[in-house]
């Protein structure tokens, strides 16, 4: 889900701080999605989001049949599908989680 524009702009390998901020932003998106699932309500778009990364995240959720294609444009809300709320939800986060701090951020999200 990391934005292609970010990867293309980096002439050398991105700095760890850049990866960290993108990973934290992605976890924030995931938190918005999980809050919508647990409350069985539409998912709202977070403020201060990276447009390309947010669109990739939404596309990923739609591809997995977790979000409806219908969007409440006036409220910037996304409707969950029955798949998202009617059965157990398993998420796979594909990252190396090399440092304990990386794993701890995901752990904190899971506890919420």
Protein backbone atom coordinates (compact mmCIF):
# COMPACT_ATOMS: atom_id res chain seq x y z
CA UNK A 1 0.00 0.00 0.00
CA UNK A 2 3.04 2.27 0.13
CA UNK A 3 2.53 4.99 -2.47
CA UNK A 4 4.37 4.56 -5.77
CA UNK A 5 5.01 8.30 -5.93
CA UNK A 6 6.99 8.06 -2.68
CA UNK A 7 9.08 5.18 -4.00
CA UNK A 8 9.71 6.90 -7.35
CA UNK A 9 10.83 10.17 -5.72
CA UNK A 10 13.44 8.44 -3.62
CA UNK A 11 16.66 8.56 -5.61
CA UNK A 12 18.33 6.39 -2.99
CA UNK A 13 16.83 4.12 -0.41
CA UNK A 14 14.22 5.98 1.70
CA UNK A 15 15.30 7.03 5.14
CA UNK A 16 14.10 4.91 8.06
CA UNK A 17 12.18 7.91 9.39
CA UNK A 18 10.25 8.13 6.10
CA UNK A 19 9.33 4.45 6.25
CA UNK A 20 8.32 4.85 9.88
CA UNK A 21 5.96 7.72 9.13
CA UNK A 22 4.37 5.81 6.24
CA UNK A 23 3.99 2.68 8.37
CA UNK A 24 2.37 4.71 11.16
CA UNK A 25 0.02 6.34 8.68
CA UNK A 26 -0.99 2.93 7.34
CA UNK A 27 -1.64 1.68 10.88
CA UNK A 28 -3.82 4.74 11.46
CA UNK A 29 -5.87 3.84 8.36
CA UNK A 30 -6.18 0.30 9.63
CA UNK A 31 -7.37 1.62 12.99
CA UNK A 32 -10.12 3.64 11.26
CA UNK A 33 -11.19 0.49 9.42
CA UNK A 34 -11.19 -1.67 12.55
CA UNK A 35 -13.19 0.93 14.49
CA UNK A 36 -15.81 0.89 11.73
CA UNK A 37 -15.94 -2.92 11.82
CA UNK A 38 -16.25 -3.15 15.60
CA UNK A 39 -18.93 -0.43 15.68
CA UNK A 40 -20.61 -1.70 12.47
CA UNK A 41 -20.75 1.80 11.06
CA UNK A 42 -19.42 3.44 7.88
CA UNK A 43 -15.68 4.10 7.82
CA UNK A 44 -14.75 7.74 7.73
CA UNK A 45 -11.66 9.10 6.03
CA UNK A 46 -8.97 10.25 8.47
CA UNK A 47 -7.80 13.85 8.42
CA UNK A 48 -4.31 14.64 7.08
CA UNK A 49 -4.09 11.60 4.86
CA UNK A 50 -1.78 11.02 1.92
CA UNK A 51 -4.16 10.88 -1.04
CA UNK A 52 -2.34 8.18 -3.04
CA UNK A 53 -1.77 5.96 -0.03
CA UNK A 54 -5.37 6.35 1.16
CA UNK A 55 -6.72 5.45 -2.28
CA UNK A 56 -4.48 2.37 -2.41
CA UNK A 57 -5.73 1.36 1.04
CA UNK A 58 -9.38 1.79 -0.02
CA UNK A 59 -8.75 -0.15 -3.24
CA UNK A 60 -7.17 -2.96 -1.24
CA UNK A 61 -10.22 -3.16 1.06
CA UNK A 62 -12.58 -3.13 -1.92
CA UNK A 63 -10.59 -5.88 -3.64
CA UNK A 64 -11.01 -8.02 -0.52
CA UNK A 65 -14.78 -7.31 -0.54
CA UNK A 66 -14.57 -5.47 2.79
CA UNK A 67 -15.81 -2.10 1.49
CA UNK A 68 -18.67 -1.35 -0.83
CA UNK A 69 -18.03 0.58 -4.01
CA UNK A 70 -20.69 3.04 -2.90
CA UNK A 71 -19.27 6.05 -1.10
CA UNK A 72 -21.15 8.68 0.86
CA UNK A 73 -19.34 11.55 -0.86
CA UNK A 74 -20.78 14.32 1.28
CA UNK A 75 -19.53 12.71 4.47
CA UNK A 76 -16.39 11.10 3.02
CA UNK A 77 -17.57 7.77 4.44
CA UNK A 78 -17.15 4.28 3.07
CA UNK A 79 -19.74 1.56 3.59
CA UNK A 80 -18.68 -1.81 4.94
CA UNK A 81 -19.85 -4.98 3.21
CA UNK A 82 -21.51 -7.93 4.91
CA UNK A 83 -18.23 -9.79 4.53
CA UNK A 84 -16.50 -7.29 6.82
CA UNK A 85 -18.99 -7.61 9.67
CA UNK A 86 -20.62 -11.03 9.39
CA UNK A 87 -17.70 -13.39 9.97
CA UNK A 88 -14.31 -13.47 11.71
CA UNK A 89 -11.86 -11.05 10.16
CA UNK A 90 -8.23 -12.04 9.67
CA UNK A 91 -5.66 -9.43 8.67
CA UNK A 92 -2.19 -10.10 7.35
CA UNK A 93 0.35 -7.32 7.70
CA UNK A 94 3.24 -7.93 5.33
CA UNK A 95 6.29 -6.25 6.82
CA UNK A 96 9.47 -7.55 8.35
CA UNK A 97 8.77 -5.92 11.77
CA UNK A 98 12.49 -6.05 12.41
CA UNK A 99 12.44 -3.92 15.56
CA UNK A 100 10.37 -4.60 18.63
CA UNK A 101 8.97 -1.07 18.39
CA UNK A 102 7.47 -1.95 14.99
CA UNK A 103 5.76 -5.01 16.43
CA UNK A 104 4.64 -3.05 19.49
CA UNK A 105 2.73 -0.52 17.36
CA UNK A 106 0.74 -3.38 15.82
CA UNK A 107 0.30 -4.96 19.25
CA UNK A 108 -1.15 -1.70 20.59
CA UNK A 109 -3.57 -1.53 17.69
CA UNK A 110 -4.67 -5.13 18.28
CA UNK A 111 -5.32 -4.40 21.95
CA UNK A 112 -7.52 -1.42 21.08
